[in-house]
Structure formats: C-alpha cells, structure tokens
N, C-alpha and C. Protein backbone atom coordinates (compact mmCIF):
# COMPACT_ATOMS: atom_id res chain seq x y z
N MET A 1 -0.56 -39.73 -21.02
CA MET A 1 -1.19 -39.48 -19.74
C MET A 1 -0.25 -38.74 -18.80
N GLU A 2 1.02 -39.18 -18.82
CA GLU A 2 2.00 -38.55 -17.94
C GLU A 2 2.25 -37.11 -18.34
N ILE A 3 2.23 -36.83 -19.64
CA ILE A 3 2.44 -35.46 -20.13
C ILE A 3 1.31 -34.56 -19.65
N GLU A 4 0.08 -35.06 -19.69
CA GLU A 4 -1.06 -34.28 -19.21
C GLU A 4 -0.94 -34.00 -17.72
N ASN A 5 -0.49 -34.98 -16.96
CA ASN A 5 -0.31 -34.79 -15.52
C ASN A 5 0.76 -33.74 -15.24
N ASN A 6 1.85 -33.80 -15.99
CA ASN A 6 2.93 -32.83 -15.80
C ASN A 6 2.45 -31.42 -16.14
N GLU A 7 1.66 -31.31 -17.21
CA GLU A 7 1.12 -29.99 -17.57
C GLU A 7 0.17 -29.49 -16.50
N HIS A 8 -0.64 -30.39 -15.97
CA HIS A 8 -1.58 -30.01 -14.91
C HIS A 8 -0.83 -29.56 -13.65
N VAL A 9 0.19 -30.31 -13.29
CA VAL A 9 0.99 -29.95 -12.11
C VAL A 9 1.67 -28.60 -12.33
N ALA A 10 2.21 -28.38 -13.52
CA ALA A 10 2.86 -27.10 -13.82
C ALA A 10 1.87 -25.95 -13.75
N LYS A 11 0.67 -26.17 -14.28
CA LYS A 11 -0.37 -25.13 -14.26
C LYS A 11 -0.79 -24.83 -12.82
N GLN A 12 -0.99 -25.87 -12.02
CA GLN A 12 -1.38 -25.67 -10.62
C GLN A 12 -0.27 -24.99 -9.82
N THR A 13 0.97 -25.32 -10.13
CA THR A 13 2.10 -24.68 -9.47
C THR A 13 2.13 -23.19 -9.78
N GLU A 14 1.89 -22.86 -11.04
CA GLU A 14 1.86 -21.45 -11.46
C GLU A 14 0.73 -20.70 -10.75
N ILE A 15 -0.43 -21.34 -10.62
CA ILE A 15 -1.56 -20.73 -9.92
C ILE A 15 -1.23 -20.52 -8.45
N GLU A 16 -0.62 -21.51 -7.82
CA GLU A 16 -0.26 -21.40 -6.40
C GLU A 16 0.76 -20.28 -6.17
N ILE A 17 1.71 -20.15 -7.07
CA ILE A 17 2.71 -19.08 -6.94
C ILE A 17 2.03 -17.72 -7.05
N ALA A 18 1.13 -17.58 -8.01
CA ALA A 18 0.40 -16.31 -8.17
C ALA A 18 -0.46 -16.02 -6.94
N ALA A 19 -1.09 -17.05 -6.39
CA ALA A 19 -1.92 -16.85 -5.19
C ALA A 19 -1.07 -16.45 -4.00
N GLU A 20 0.10 -17.04 -3.86
CA GLU A 20 1.01 -16.66 -2.77
C GLU A 20 1.45 -15.21 -2.90
N GLU A 21 1.69 -14.77 -4.12
CA GLU A 21 2.08 -13.37 -4.34
C GLU A 21 0.95 -12.43 -3.96
N VAL A 22 -0.30 -12.80 -4.27
CA VAL A 22 -1.45 -11.98 -3.88
C VAL A 22 -1.52 -11.88 -2.36
N LEU A 23 -1.35 -13.00 -1.68
CA LEU A 23 -1.39 -13.00 -0.21
C LEU A 23 -0.24 -12.17 0.37
N MET A 24 0.93 -12.25 -0.28
CA MET A 24 2.07 -11.47 0.18
C MET A 24 1.79 -9.97 0.07
N TYR A 25 1.20 -9.55 -1.05
CA TYR A 25 0.88 -8.14 -1.23
C TYR A 25 -0.19 -7.68 -0.24
N ARG A 26 -1.15 -8.53 0.04
CA ARG A 26 -2.18 -8.16 1.02
C ARG A 26 -1.59 -8.02 2.41
N ALA A 27 -0.66 -8.89 2.78
CA ALA A 27 0.00 -8.78 4.07
C ALA A 27 0.82 -7.50 4.14
N GLU A 28 1.47 -7.16 3.03
CA GLU A 28 2.23 -5.91 2.97
C GLU A 28 1.31 -4.70 3.12
N LEU A 29 0.13 -4.77 2.51
CA LEU A 29 -0.84 -3.68 2.66
C LEU A 29 -1.26 -3.52 4.11
N LEU A 30 -1.47 -4.62 4.81
CA LEU A 30 -1.84 -4.55 6.23
C LEU A 30 -0.72 -3.90 7.05
N GLU A 31 0.51 -4.28 6.77
CA GLU A 31 1.64 -3.70 7.49
C GLU A 31 1.78 -2.21 7.20
N LEU A 32 1.61 -1.82 5.95
CA LEU A 32 1.67 -0.40 5.59
C LEU A 32 0.53 0.37 6.25
N ASP A 33 -0.63 -0.25 6.38
CA ASP A 33 -1.75 0.41 7.04
C ASP A 33 -1.45 0.63 8.52
N ARG A 34 -0.81 -0.34 9.16
CA ARG A 34 -0.41 -0.17 10.57
C ARG A 34 0.58 1.00 10.70
N LYS A 35 1.54 1.05 9.78
CA LYS A 35 2.51 2.15 9.80
C LYS A 35 1.82 3.49 9.59
N ARG A 36 0.86 3.52 8.66
CA ARG A 36 0.14 4.76 8.37
C ARG A 36 -0.65 5.22 9.59
N GLN A 37 -1.27 4.29 10.29
CA GLN A 37 -2.06 4.66 11.47
C GLN A 37 -1.16 5.16 12.60
N SER A 38 -0.04 4.50 12.83
CA SER A 38 0.86 4.97 13.89
C SER A 38 1.48 6.30 13.52
N ASN A 39 1.77 6.51 12.24
CA ASN A 39 2.28 7.80 11.78
C ASN A 39 1.24 8.89 11.98
N ARG A 40 -0.01 8.57 11.69
CA ARG A 40 -1.10 9.53 11.87
C ARG A 40 -1.25 9.90 13.34
N GLU A 41 -1.14 8.91 14.23
CA GLU A 41 -1.24 9.18 15.66
C GLU A 41 -0.09 10.09 16.12
N GLY A 42 1.12 9.80 15.67
CA GLY A 42 2.27 10.62 16.03
C GLY A 42 2.16 12.03 15.49
N LEU A 43 1.70 12.14 14.26
CA LEU A 43 1.53 13.46 13.64
C LEU A 43 0.51 14.28 14.41
N ARG A 44 -0.58 13.65 14.80
CA ARG A 44 -1.63 14.35 15.55
C ARG A 44 -1.11 14.79 16.92
N ALA A 45 -0.33 13.95 17.58
CA ALA A 45 0.23 14.31 18.88
C ALA A 45 1.19 15.49 18.74
N LEU A 46 1.98 15.51 17.68
CA LEU A 46 2.91 16.62 17.46
C LEU A 46 2.17 17.91 17.15
N GLN A 47 1.05 17.82 16.44
CA GLN A 47 0.29 19.02 16.10
C GLN A 47 -0.33 19.66 17.33
N LYS A 48 -0.57 18.88 18.37
CA LYS A 48 -1.14 19.41 19.61
C LYS A 48 -0.10 20.12 20.47
N MET A 49 1.18 19.89 20.19
CA MET A 49 2.26 20.47 21.01
C MET A 49 2.58 21.88 20.55
N ASP A 50 3.24 22.63 21.45
CA ASP A 50 3.72 23.97 21.10
C ASP A 50 4.91 23.84 20.16
N ASN A 51 5.03 24.78 19.23
CA ASN A 51 6.14 24.74 18.28
C ASN A 51 7.48 25.08 18.93
N ASP A 52 7.46 25.65 20.12
CA ASP A 52 8.70 26.01 20.81
C ASP A 52 9.35 24.80 21.49
N ASP A 53 8.58 23.75 21.70
CA ASP A 53 9.08 22.58 22.40
C ASP A 53 10.03 21.76 21.52
N LYS A 54 10.74 20.86 22.18
CA LYS A 54 11.56 19.88 21.48
C LYS A 54 11.05 18.50 21.87
N VAL A 55 11.14 17.58 20.94
CA VAL A 55 10.64 16.22 21.18
C VAL A 55 11.72 15.20 20.84
N TRP A 56 11.60 14.04 21.47
CA TRP A 56 12.47 12.92 21.17
C TRP A 56 11.79 12.06 20.12
N ILE A 57 12.51 11.80 19.03
CA ILE A 57 11.97 10.88 18.03
C ILE A 57 13.02 9.80 17.74
N LEU A 58 12.53 8.68 17.28
CA LEU A 58 13.40 7.55 16.97
C LEU A 58 13.73 7.56 15.49
N LEU A 59 15.01 7.72 15.16
CA LEU A 59 15.47 7.65 13.78
C LEU A 59 16.45 6.49 13.69
N GLY A 60 16.03 5.45 13.00
CA GLY A 60 16.87 4.26 12.92
C GLY A 60 16.91 3.58 14.27
N GLN A 61 18.09 3.56 14.89
CA GLN A 61 18.22 2.96 16.22
C GLN A 61 18.65 3.99 17.25
N SER A 62 18.47 5.27 16.93
CA SER A 62 18.89 6.33 17.83
C SER A 62 17.74 7.27 18.13
N PHE A 63 17.67 7.71 19.38
CA PHE A 63 16.72 8.74 19.75
C PHE A 63 17.39 10.10 19.58
N ILE A 64 16.67 11.03 18.97
CA ILE A 64 17.20 12.36 18.71
C ILE A 64 16.19 13.38 19.20
N LYS A 65 16.68 14.43 19.86
CA LYS A 65 15.80 15.50 20.33
C LYS A 65 15.85 16.63 19.30
N ILE A 66 14.69 16.91 18.69
CA ILE A 66 14.62 17.95 17.66
C ILE A 66 13.41 18.83 17.91
N PRO A 67 13.39 20.02 17.32
CA PRO A 67 12.22 20.89 17.47
C PRO A 67 10.97 20.26 16.85
N VAL A 68 9.82 20.66 17.37
CA VAL A 68 8.55 20.10 16.91
C VAL A 68 8.34 20.35 15.42
N GLU A 69 8.74 21.52 14.93
CA GLU A 69 8.56 21.84 13.50
C GLU A 69 9.27 20.83 12.61
N LYS A 70 10.52 20.51 12.95
CA LYS A 70 11.28 19.54 12.15
C LYS A 70 10.67 18.15 12.26
N ALA A 71 10.20 17.81 13.44
CA ALA A 71 9.55 16.51 13.63
C ALA A 71 8.27 16.42 12.80
N LEU A 72 7.51 17.52 12.77
CA LEU A 72 6.28 17.55 11.96
C LEU A 72 6.61 17.36 10.48
N LYS A 73 7.64 18.04 10.01
CA LYS A 73 8.04 17.90 8.60
C LYS A 73 8.46 16.46 8.30
N ALA A 74 9.21 15.86 9.23
CA ALA A 74 9.65 14.48 9.03
C ALA A 74 8.46 13.52 9.00
N TYR A 75 7.51 13.73 9.91
CA TYR A 75 6.32 12.87 9.95
C TYR A 75 5.46 13.07 8.71
N GLN A 76 5.34 14.30 8.24
CA GLN A 76 4.55 14.55 7.03
C GLN A 76 5.21 13.92 5.81
N GLN A 77 6.53 13.99 5.74
CA GLN A 77 7.25 13.35 4.64
C GLN A 77 7.06 11.83 4.70
N GLU A 78 7.14 11.28 5.91
CA GLU A 78 6.93 9.84 6.06
C GLU A 78 5.50 9.46 5.67
N LYS A 79 4.54 10.32 5.99
CA LYS A 79 3.15 10.07 5.60
C LYS A 79 3.02 9.98 4.09
N LEU A 80 3.67 10.90 3.38
CA LEU A 80 3.62 10.89 1.91
C LEU A 80 4.28 9.63 1.35
N ASN A 81 5.41 9.23 1.95
CA ASN A 81 6.10 8.02 1.50
C ASN A 81 5.24 6.78 1.70
N ILE A 82 4.58 6.71 2.85
CA ILE A 82 3.72 5.56 3.13
C ILE A 82 2.55 5.52 2.17
N GLU A 83 1.93 6.68 1.91
CA GLU A 83 0.80 6.72 0.98
C GLU A 83 1.23 6.29 -0.42
N LYS A 84 2.42 6.70 -0.82
CA LYS A 84 2.94 6.30 -2.14
C LYS A 84 3.13 4.78 -2.20
N LYS A 85 3.71 4.22 -1.13
CA LYS A 85 3.92 2.77 -1.09
C LYS A 85 2.59 2.02 -1.08
N VAL A 86 1.60 2.55 -0.36
CA VAL A 86 0.28 1.91 -0.32
C VAL A 86 -0.34 1.89 -1.71
N ASN A 87 -0.27 3.01 -2.41
CA ASN A 87 -0.84 3.06 -3.76
C ASN A 87 -0.12 2.10 -4.71
N GLU A 88 1.21 2.04 -4.61
CA GLU A 88 1.96 1.11 -5.45
C GLU A 88 1.58 -0.33 -5.13
N CYS A 89 1.44 -0.62 -3.85
CA CYS A 89 1.11 -1.98 -3.44
C CYS A 89 -0.30 -2.35 -3.89
N ARG A 90 -1.23 -1.40 -3.83
CA ARG A 90 -2.59 -1.67 -4.31
C ARG A 90 -2.59 -1.96 -5.80
N ASP A 91 -1.83 -1.17 -6.56
CA ASP A 91 -1.75 -1.41 -8.00
C ASP A 91 -1.14 -2.78 -8.30
N ASP A 92 -0.07 -3.12 -7.58
CA ASP A 92 0.56 -4.42 -7.78
C ASP A 92 -0.39 -5.56 -7.41
N THR A 93 -1.16 -5.36 -6.33
CA THR A 93 -2.13 -6.38 -5.92
C THR A 93 -3.18 -6.59 -6.99
N LYS A 94 -3.68 -5.49 -7.56
CA LYS A 94 -4.67 -5.61 -8.63
C LYS A 94 -4.10 -6.38 -9.82
N ASN A 95 -2.86 -6.07 -10.18
CA ASN A 95 -2.23 -6.77 -11.30
C ASN A 95 -2.07 -8.26 -11.02
N LYS A 96 -1.67 -8.58 -9.79
CA LYS A 96 -1.48 -9.99 -9.44
C LYS A 96 -2.82 -10.73 -9.38
N VAL A 97 -3.87 -10.06 -8.89
CA VAL A 97 -5.19 -10.69 -8.87
C VAL A 97 -5.68 -10.92 -10.30
N ASP A 98 -5.42 -9.96 -11.18
CA ASP A 98 -5.76 -10.14 -12.60
C ASP A 98 -5.06 -11.36 -13.18
N LEU A 99 -3.76 -11.45 -12.92
CA LEU A 99 -2.99 -12.59 -13.41
C LEU A 99 -3.54 -13.90 -12.86
N LEU A 100 -3.86 -13.91 -11.57
CA LEU A 100 -4.41 -15.11 -10.95
C LEU A 100 -5.73 -15.51 -11.59
N CYS A 101 -6.58 -14.53 -11.84
CA CYS A 101 -7.87 -14.83 -12.48
C CYS A 101 -7.68 -15.37 -13.89
N LYS A 102 -6.71 -14.81 -14.62
CA LYS A 102 -6.44 -15.31 -15.97
C LYS A 102 -5.93 -16.75 -15.92
N LEU A 103 -5.08 -17.04 -14.94
CA LEU A 103 -4.56 -18.40 -14.82
C LEU A 103 -5.66 -19.39 -14.44
N GLU A 104 -6.60 -18.92 -13.62
CA GLU A 104 -7.71 -19.79 -13.21
C GLU A 104 -8.79 -19.87 -14.27
N GLY A 105 -8.72 -19.00 -15.27
CA GLY A 105 -9.72 -19.02 -16.33
C GLY A 105 -10.98 -18.25 -15.98
N ALA A 106 -10.88 -17.34 -15.03
CA ALA A 106 -12.05 -16.56 -14.60
C ALA A 106 -11.82 -15.09 -14.88
N GLU A 107 -11.44 -14.76 -16.10
CA GLU A 107 -11.10 -13.38 -16.46
C GLU A 107 -12.29 -12.44 -16.35
N ASN A 108 -13.46 -12.89 -16.73
CA ASN A 108 -14.64 -12.02 -16.76
C ASN A 108 -15.17 -11.70 -15.36
N ARG A 109 -14.76 -12.45 -14.38
CA ARG A 109 -15.26 -12.28 -13.02
C ARG A 109 -14.90 -10.91 -12.45
N LEU A 110 -13.77 -10.37 -12.84
CA LEU A 110 -13.31 -9.10 -12.29
C LEU A 110 -13.42 -7.95 -13.28
N ALA A 111 -14.23 -8.09 -14.27
CA ALA A 111 -14.38 -7.01 -15.26
C ALA A 111 -14.90 -5.76 -14.57
N GLY A 112 -14.23 -4.65 -14.78
CA GLY A 112 -14.64 -3.38 -14.18
C GLY A 112 -14.00 -3.07 -12.84
N PHE A 113 -13.18 -3.97 -12.31
CA PHE A 113 -12.55 -3.71 -11.02
C PHE A 113 -11.18 -3.04 -11.16
N ASN A 114 -10.76 -2.75 -12.37
CA ASN A 114 -9.48 -2.07 -12.57
C ASN A 114 -9.65 -0.57 -12.65
N LEU A 115 -10.72 -0.06 -12.09
CA LEU A 115 -10.95 1.38 -12.10
C LEU A 115 -10.04 2.05 -11.09
N LYS A 116 -9.66 3.28 -11.39
CA LYS A 116 -8.84 4.06 -10.46
C LYS A 116 -9.62 5.28 -10.04
N SER A 117 -9.49 5.65 -8.79
CA SER A 117 -10.19 6.83 -8.30
C SER A 117 -9.48 8.09 -8.78
N LEU A 118 -10.22 9.18 -8.80
CA LEU A 118 -9.65 10.45 -9.20
C LEU A 118 -8.79 11.01 -8.08
N ASN A 119 -7.69 11.63 -8.44
CA ASN A 119 -6.92 12.32 -7.41
C ASN A 119 -7.51 13.72 -7.23
N GLN A 120 -6.96 14.50 -6.31
CA GLN A 120 -7.54 15.80 -5.99
C GLN A 120 -7.55 16.75 -7.18
N GLU A 121 -6.47 16.76 -7.95
CA GLU A 121 -6.41 17.68 -9.10
C GLU A 121 -7.45 17.31 -10.15
N GLU A 122 -7.61 16.02 -10.40
CA GLU A 122 -8.60 15.59 -11.39
C GLU A 122 -10.01 15.88 -10.92
N ALA A 123 -10.26 15.70 -9.63
CA ALA A 123 -11.60 15.96 -9.10
C ALA A 123 -11.95 17.44 -9.17
N LYS A 124 -10.95 18.32 -9.03
CA LYS A 124 -11.21 19.76 -9.09
C LYS A 124 -11.58 20.22 -10.49
N THR A 125 -11.12 19.50 -11.51
CA THR A 125 -11.41 19.91 -12.88
C THR A 125 -12.82 19.55 -13.32
N ILE A 126 -13.48 18.68 -12.58
CA ILE A 126 -14.84 18.28 -12.93
C ILE A 126 -15.81 19.36 -12.45
N LYS A 127 -16.69 19.77 -13.34
CA LYS A 127 -17.70 20.77 -12.98
C LYS A 127 -19.00 20.05 -12.66
N TRP A 128 -19.45 20.21 -11.44
CA TRP A 128 -20.69 19.58 -11.00
C TRP A 128 -21.84 20.56 -11.17
N LYS A 129 -22.97 20.08 -11.58
CA LYS A 129 -24.14 20.94 -11.75
C LYS A 129 -25.02 20.91 -10.54
C-alpha cells in the first residue's frame, strides 16, 4: 500500500512540475508580447520622424543620442529578436503541454494541435486557383 502511495505521489509531483513549466512559459509569452507591443510603438514613432533628426534611446542603463536611421535599425533588429523568442517559446509551450497531457493520460485530447503555420516563403510557393 505504501509503495502505491509513493508511486502516486511521485506521479502527481511530476504532473505538478510539468504544469508549473507550462505556466512559466505562458507568463514568458505574455512578457514577450508586452515587449513586442512597446517595440512596435517605438518603431512606429520613429518612422513618423524625419531621418535628419537625432533621438535619445535607452541602451542598457545609458541614454544615447543617435540618428533616427540607426535607431530604426536597432528597433527592427530587436523586433526580429523578439519574434524569434516568441516562436521558440510557443514551440516550447506546445512541447510542455504535450508532455503534461501524456502524464495526465489525455494524449488524444490534443491530437492535431501540433500544426505549424506556413511562413512567408512557404505561402508564396502555394499556387491558389
């Protein structure tokens, strides 16, 4: 009886750890989405400015005055980095949810949810009638 209880406790502990990891990844996705939105706002504000102007931007813990063109490039690079992190986090979240479902014994519940959307290059190769 005690062995069964220990196995049950170990199984429940494993499920709880997997569930905590899923919640952690979801919280990270929310934080990355906030960063993406603030980056988008900053990028849009810079696009409205004249290219001859200089702007103050925060890099690390220092404010630096740089031309708008360089700031735009930095913001666009940051946008790409954030999008890459979001995609990685989404993939990791899907994997952790899969693991959680397997641990809970509900593998069939998420059948078909591991689909990935087409990127721009893949979508261009499809011929629509």
